């Protein structure tokens, strides 16, 4: 199901934008598609994201998974401990006085 309040694109990655909802039983959404850098087209789209008489399919832009950066250090008794940061730049700026083993990017779920 498409969330019409979130960013849109075509199935092949072209930028799309909801212009407005219209009073049409079959194609209730007017969507502008960036077909080429200098060409935009307006198409009528059904609730599933299918376009009348075209090969395009509209979908939400996939959300990029959240990741964090972790500075890893040697700990006591052969343990490893780390610090978590929102970006690699922040991780690189906040290295502890001990030698960092690595800085790794990992997926993070809240």
N, C-alpha and C. Protein backbone atom coordinates (compact mmCIF):
# COMPACT_ATOMS: atom_id res chain seq x y z
N UNK A 1 0.84 -1.18 0.00
CA UNK A 1 0.00 0.00 0.00
C UNK A 1 0.89 1.25 0.00
N UNK A 2 0.56 2.18 -0.82
CA UNK A 2 1.34 3.41 -0.94
C UNK A 2 0.92 4.40 0.14
N UNK A 3 1.91 5.02 0.77
CA UNK A 3 1.64 6.13 1.68
C UNK A 3 1.86 7.40 0.87
N UNK A 4 0.77 8.05 0.50
CA UNK A 4 0.82 9.21 -0.40
C UNK A 4 1.42 10.44 0.28
N UNK A 5 1.67 10.38 1.59
CA UNK A 5 2.28 11.49 2.32
C UNK A 5 3.80 11.39 2.37
N UNK A 6 4.35 10.28 1.89
CA UNK A 6 5.80 10.07 1.88
C UNK A 6 6.33 10.26 0.47
N UNK A 7 7.67 10.42 0.32
CA UNK A 7 8.25 10.60 -1.01
C UNK A 7 7.91 9.44 -1.96
N UNK A 8 7.72 9.80 -3.24
CA UNK A 8 7.32 8.84 -4.26
C UNK A 8 8.37 8.74 -5.36
N UNK A 9 8.35 7.60 -6.05
CA UNK A 9 9.19 7.40 -7.23
C UNK A 9 8.49 6.37 -8.11
N UNK A 10 8.98 6.24 -9.34
CA UNK A 10 8.50 5.17 -10.19
C UNK A 10 9.29 3.91 -9.84
N UNK A 11 8.78 2.78 -10.28
CA UNK A 11 9.45 1.51 -9.99
C UNK A 11 10.90 1.51 -10.50
N UNK A 12 11.15 2.24 -11.60
CA UNK A 12 12.52 2.30 -12.13
C UNK A 12 13.33 3.47 -11.57
N UNK A 13 12.84 4.12 -10.51
CA UNK A 13 13.63 5.11 -9.78
C UNK A 13 13.45 6.56 -10.19
N UNK A 14 12.53 6.86 -11.09
CA UNK A 14 12.30 8.26 -11.47
C UNK A 14 11.55 8.98 -10.36
N UNK A 15 11.93 10.24 -10.12
CA UNK A 15 11.27 11.02 -9.08
C UNK A 15 9.82 11.28 -9.46
N UNK A 16 8.92 11.14 -8.47
CA UNK A 16 7.50 11.40 -8.69
C UNK A 16 6.98 12.22 -7.51
N UNK A 17 5.97 13.02 -7.78
CA UNK A 17 5.41 13.88 -6.74
C UNK A 17 3.90 13.95 -6.89
N UNK A 18 3.20 13.75 -5.79
CA UNK A 18 1.75 13.86 -5.80
C UNK A 18 1.38 15.33 -5.98
N UNK A 19 0.59 15.62 -7.01
CA UNK A 19 0.14 16.99 -7.24
C UNK A 19 -1.14 17.24 -6.47
N UNK A 20 -2.10 16.33 -6.62
CA UNK A 20 -3.35 16.47 -5.89
C UNK A 20 -4.20 15.23 -6.04
N UNK A 21 -5.16 15.10 -5.14
CA UNK A 21 -6.17 14.07 -5.27
C UNK A 21 -7.31 14.65 -6.10
N UNK A 22 -7.92 13.79 -6.92
CA UNK A 22 -9.01 14.25 -7.78
C UNK A 22 -10.22 13.35 -7.56
N UNK A 23 -11.37 13.83 -7.98
CA UNK A 23 -12.61 13.06 -7.81
C UNK A 23 -12.79 12.14 -9.00
N UNK A 24 -12.04 11.04 -8.98
CA UNK A 24 -12.13 10.04 -10.03
C UNK A 24 -12.16 8.67 -9.36
N UNK A 25 -13.13 7.87 -9.70
CA UNK A 25 -13.31 6.58 -9.06
C UNK A 25 -12.15 5.62 -9.32
N UNK A 26 -11.58 5.66 -10.51
CA UNK A 26 -10.55 4.69 -10.88
C UNK A 26 -9.12 5.22 -10.73
N UNK A 27 -8.90 6.49 -11.02
CA UNK A 27 -7.56 7.08 -10.95
C UNK A 27 -7.64 8.36 -10.13
N UNK A 28 -7.61 8.24 -8.78
CA UNK A 28 -7.86 9.40 -7.92
C UNK A 28 -6.65 10.28 -7.62
N UNK A 29 -5.48 9.99 -8.19
CA UNK A 29 -4.29 10.78 -7.87
C UNK A 29 -3.65 11.32 -9.15
N UNK A 30 -3.32 12.62 -9.12
CA UNK A 30 -2.55 13.23 -10.20
C UNK A 30 -1.11 13.29 -9.72
N UNK A 31 -0.20 12.68 -10.48
CA UNK A 31 1.20 12.58 -10.08
C UNK A 31 2.08 13.12 -11.19
N UNK A 32 3.07 13.92 -10.80
CA UNK A 32 4.06 14.45 -11.74
C UNK A 32 5.30 13.56 -11.68
N UNK A 33 5.74 13.10 -12.85
CA UNK A 33 6.92 12.24 -12.93
C UNK A 33 8.02 12.97 -13.68
N UNK A 34 9.23 12.96 -13.12
CA UNK A 34 10.40 13.52 -13.80
C UNK A 34 10.86 12.46 -14.79
N UNK A 35 10.43 12.61 -16.05
CA UNK A 35 10.70 11.62 -17.08
C UNK A 35 12.14 11.72 -17.58
N UNK A 36 12.59 12.93 -17.82
CA UNK A 36 13.97 13.27 -18.20
C UNK A 36 14.31 14.55 -17.46
N UNK A 37 15.59 14.96 -17.42
CA UNK A 37 15.93 16.19 -16.71
C UNK A 37 15.11 17.41 -17.14
N UNK A 38 14.73 17.49 -18.40
CA UNK A 38 13.97 18.65 -18.88
C UNK A 38 12.53 18.31 -19.23
N UNK A 39 12.04 17.16 -18.78
CA UNK A 39 10.68 16.76 -19.14
C UNK A 39 9.98 16.13 -17.95
N UNK A 40 8.87 16.74 -17.55
CA UNK A 40 8.02 16.17 -16.52
C UNK A 40 6.67 15.86 -17.14
N UNK A 41 6.08 14.75 -16.73
CA UNK A 41 4.76 14.40 -17.24
C UNK A 41 3.80 14.26 -16.06
N UNK A 42 2.56 14.57 -16.27
CA UNK A 42 1.54 14.39 -15.25
C UNK A 42 0.67 13.22 -15.68
N UNK A 43 0.49 12.29 -14.75
CA UNK A 43 -0.28 11.08 -15.04
C UNK A 43 -1.33 10.87 -13.96
N UNK A 44 -2.35 10.12 -14.30
CA UNK A 44 -3.38 9.76 -13.34
C UNK A 44 -3.05 8.36 -12.81
N UNK A 45 -3.14 8.20 -11.50
CA UNK A 45 -2.69 6.97 -10.84
C UNK A 45 -3.80 6.41 -9.98
N UNK A 46 -3.91 5.06 -9.97
CA UNK A 46 -4.92 4.44 -9.10
C UNK A 46 -4.36 4.27 -7.68
N UNK A 47 -5.17 3.73 -6.78
CA UNK A 47 -4.77 3.61 -5.37
C UNK A 47 -3.60 2.66 -5.16
N UNK A 48 -3.37 1.74 -6.11
CA UNK A 48 -2.27 0.79 -6.00
C UNK A 48 -0.98 1.32 -6.61
N UNK A 49 -1.04 2.50 -7.23
CA UNK A 49 0.15 3.07 -7.85
C UNK A 49 0.29 2.77 -9.31
N UNK A 50 -0.74 2.18 -9.92
CA UNK A 50 -0.68 1.87 -11.35
C UNK A 50 -1.17 3.05 -12.16
N UNK A 51 -0.53 3.29 -13.28
CA UNK A 51 -0.82 4.45 -14.11
C UNK A 51 -1.64 4.03 -15.33
N UNK A 52 -2.61 4.84 -15.65
CA UNK A 52 -3.47 4.56 -16.81
C UNK A 52 -2.66 4.61 -18.10
N UNK A 53 -2.71 3.55 -18.88
CA UNK A 53 -2.10 3.49 -20.22
C UNK A 53 -0.60 3.78 -20.25
N UNK A 54 0.12 3.43 -19.21
CA UNK A 54 1.57 3.65 -19.19
C UNK A 54 2.26 2.44 -18.57
N UNK A 55 3.57 2.39 -18.70
CA UNK A 55 4.35 1.30 -18.12
C UNK A 55 4.89 1.63 -16.73
N UNK A 56 4.61 2.83 -16.23
CA UNK A 56 5.14 3.23 -14.93
C UNK A 56 4.32 2.65 -13.79
N UNK A 57 4.99 2.36 -12.70
CA UNK A 57 4.34 1.99 -11.44
C UNK A 57 4.89 2.93 -10.38
N UNK A 58 4.00 3.52 -9.60
CA UNK A 58 4.41 4.44 -8.54
C UNK A 58 4.58 3.67 -7.24
N UNK A 59 5.61 4.01 -6.47
CA UNK A 59 5.85 3.40 -5.18
C UNK A 59 6.48 4.43 -4.25
N UNK A 60 6.51 4.13 -2.96
CA UNK A 60 7.21 5.00 -2.03
C UNK A 60 8.71 4.81 -2.20
N UNK A 61 9.45 5.90 -2.02
CA UNK A 61 10.91 5.82 -2.02
C UNK A 61 11.30 4.96 -0.82
N UNK A 62 12.12 3.93 -1.02
CA UNK A 62 12.51 3.08 0.11
C UNK A 62 13.25 3.90 1.16
N UNK A 63 12.90 3.65 2.42
CA UNK A 63 13.58 4.35 3.50
C UNK A 63 14.94 3.71 3.73
N UNK A 64 15.93 4.57 3.88
CA UNK A 64 17.28 4.09 4.15
C UNK A 64 17.33 3.59 5.59
N UNK A 65 17.81 2.37 5.80
CA UNK A 65 17.88 1.88 7.19
C UNK A 65 18.84 2.73 8.01
N UNK A 66 18.49 2.93 9.25
CA UNK A 66 19.35 3.71 10.14
C UNK A 66 20.58 2.90 10.48
N UNK A 67 21.73 3.54 10.47
CA UNK A 67 22.97 2.89 10.88
C UNK A 67 23.67 3.76 11.90
N UNK A 68 24.51 3.14 12.69
CA UNK A 68 25.35 3.87 13.63
C UNK A 68 26.80 3.44 13.40
N UNK A 69 27.71 4.25 13.90
CA UNK A 69 29.13 3.94 13.82
C UNK A 69 29.64 3.65 15.22
N UNK A 70 30.44 2.60 15.36
CA UNK A 70 30.92 2.18 16.67
C UNK A 70 32.45 2.16 16.66
N UNK A 71 33.05 2.91 17.59
CA UNK A 71 34.49 2.81 17.82
C UNK A 71 34.72 1.61 18.73
N UNK A 72 35.58 0.70 18.32
CA UNK A 72 35.88 -0.50 19.11
C UNK A 72 37.27 -0.39 19.72
N UNK A 73 37.36 -0.81 20.98
CA UNK A 73 38.61 -0.76 21.73
C UNK A 73 38.81 -2.09 22.46
N UNK A 74 40.10 -2.41 22.77
CA UNK A 74 40.40 -3.56 23.63
C UNK A 74 40.00 -3.20 25.04
N UNK A 75 39.38 -4.16 25.72
CA UNK A 75 39.03 -3.97 27.12
C UNK A 75 39.84 -4.91 27.99
N UNK A 76 39.55 -4.91 29.28
CA UNK A 76 40.22 -5.83 30.20
C UNK A 76 39.81 -7.26 29.91
N UNK A 77 40.70 -8.18 30.17
CA UNK A 77 40.43 -9.61 30.04
C UNK A 77 39.97 -10.00 28.63
N UNK A 78 40.59 -9.43 27.63
CA UNK A 78 40.34 -9.74 26.22
C UNK A 78 38.92 -9.40 25.76
N UNK A 79 38.25 -8.50 26.45
CA UNK A 79 36.94 -8.04 26.02
C UNK A 79 37.10 -6.86 25.09
N UNK A 80 36.05 -6.60 24.35
CA UNK A 80 36.03 -5.44 23.46
C UNK A 80 34.89 -4.54 23.91
N UNK A 81 35.11 -3.24 23.92
CA UNK A 81 34.02 -2.32 24.23
C UNK A 81 33.98 -1.24 23.16
N UNK A 82 32.88 -0.54 23.10
CA UNK A 82 32.74 0.44 22.03
C UNK A 82 31.95 1.66 22.44
N UNK A 83 32.00 2.66 21.57
CA UNK A 83 31.23 3.89 21.68
C UNK A 83 30.38 4.01 20.43
N UNK A 84 29.12 4.45 20.58
CA UNK A 84 28.20 4.54 19.45
C UNK A 84 28.03 6.00 19.04
N UNK A 85 28.07 6.25 17.70
CA UNK A 85 27.92 7.59 17.15
C UNK A 85 26.98 7.58 15.95
N UNK A 86 26.38 8.71 15.66
CA UNK A 86 25.45 8.84 14.54
C UNK A 86 26.15 8.91 13.18
N UNK A 87 27.43 9.26 13.15
CA UNK A 87 28.14 9.36 11.88
C UNK A 87 29.60 8.96 12.06
N UNK A 88 30.25 8.62 10.97
CA UNK A 88 31.68 8.26 11.01
C UNK A 88 32.51 9.47 11.41
N UNK A 89 32.11 10.64 10.95
CA UNK A 89 32.85 11.86 11.29
C UNK A 89 32.87 12.07 12.81
N UNK A 90 31.72 11.89 13.46
CA UNK A 90 31.67 12.03 14.92
C UNK A 90 32.51 10.96 15.60
N UNK A 91 32.45 9.73 15.11
CA UNK A 91 33.25 8.65 15.70
C UNK A 91 34.74 8.97 15.58
N UNK A 92 35.16 9.48 14.43
CA UNK A 92 36.57 9.81 14.23
C UNK A 92 37.03 10.96 15.14
N UNK A 93 36.13 11.88 15.47
CA UNK A 93 36.49 13.02 16.33
C UNK A 93 36.53 12.67 17.81
N UNK A 94 35.90 11.56 18.19
CA UNK A 94 35.78 11.22 19.60
C UNK A 94 36.47 9.91 19.95
N UNK A 95 37.70 9.76 19.50
CA UNK A 95 38.47 8.56 19.82
C UNK A 95 39.03 8.72 21.23
N UNK A 96 38.88 7.67 22.04
CA UNK A 96 39.41 7.71 23.40
C UNK A 96 40.93 7.68 23.38
N UNK A 97 41.53 7.91 24.53
CA UNK A 97 42.99 7.93 24.63
C UNK A 97 43.65 6.61 24.29
N UNK A 98 42.91 5.50 24.39
CA UNK A 98 43.49 4.20 24.05
C UNK A 98 43.38 3.96 22.55
N UNK A 99 44.13 3.01 22.06
CA UNK A 99 44.13 2.76 20.62
C UNK A 99 42.83 2.11 20.16
N UNK A 100 42.22 2.71 19.16
CA UNK A 100 40.99 2.17 18.57
C UNK A 100 41.34 0.97 17.70
N UNK A 101 40.59 -0.12 17.84
CA UNK A 101 40.78 -1.31 17.01
C UNK A 101 40.18 -1.07 15.63
N UNK A 102 38.96 -0.55 15.64
CA UNK A 102 38.25 -0.35 14.38
C UNK A 102 37.09 0.62 14.60
N UNK A 103 36.58 1.12 13.50
CA UNK A 103 35.35 1.90 13.50
C UNK A 103 34.45 1.22 12.48
N UNK A 104 33.31 0.68 12.94
CA UNK A 104 32.45 -0.10 12.05
C UNK A 104 31.05 0.50 11.99
N UNK A 105 30.43 0.36 10.82
CA UNK A 105 29.06 0.80 10.62
C UNK A 105 28.15 -0.41 10.80
N UNK A 106 27.11 -0.25 11.62
CA UNK A 106 26.19 -1.36 11.85
C UNK A 106 24.75 -0.87 11.74
N UNK A 107 23.83 -1.74 11.31
CA UNK A 107 22.41 -1.36 11.28
C UNK A 107 21.91 -1.20 12.70
N UNK A 108 20.93 -0.30 12.91
CA UNK A 108 20.43 -0.02 14.23
C UNK A 108 18.92 0.11 14.20
N UNK A 109 18.26 -0.57 15.08
CA UNK A 109 16.81 -0.45 15.21
C UNK A 109 16.50 0.15 16.56
N UNK A 110 15.62 1.16 16.56
CA UNK A 110 15.24 1.77 17.84
C UNK A 110 14.29 0.90 18.61
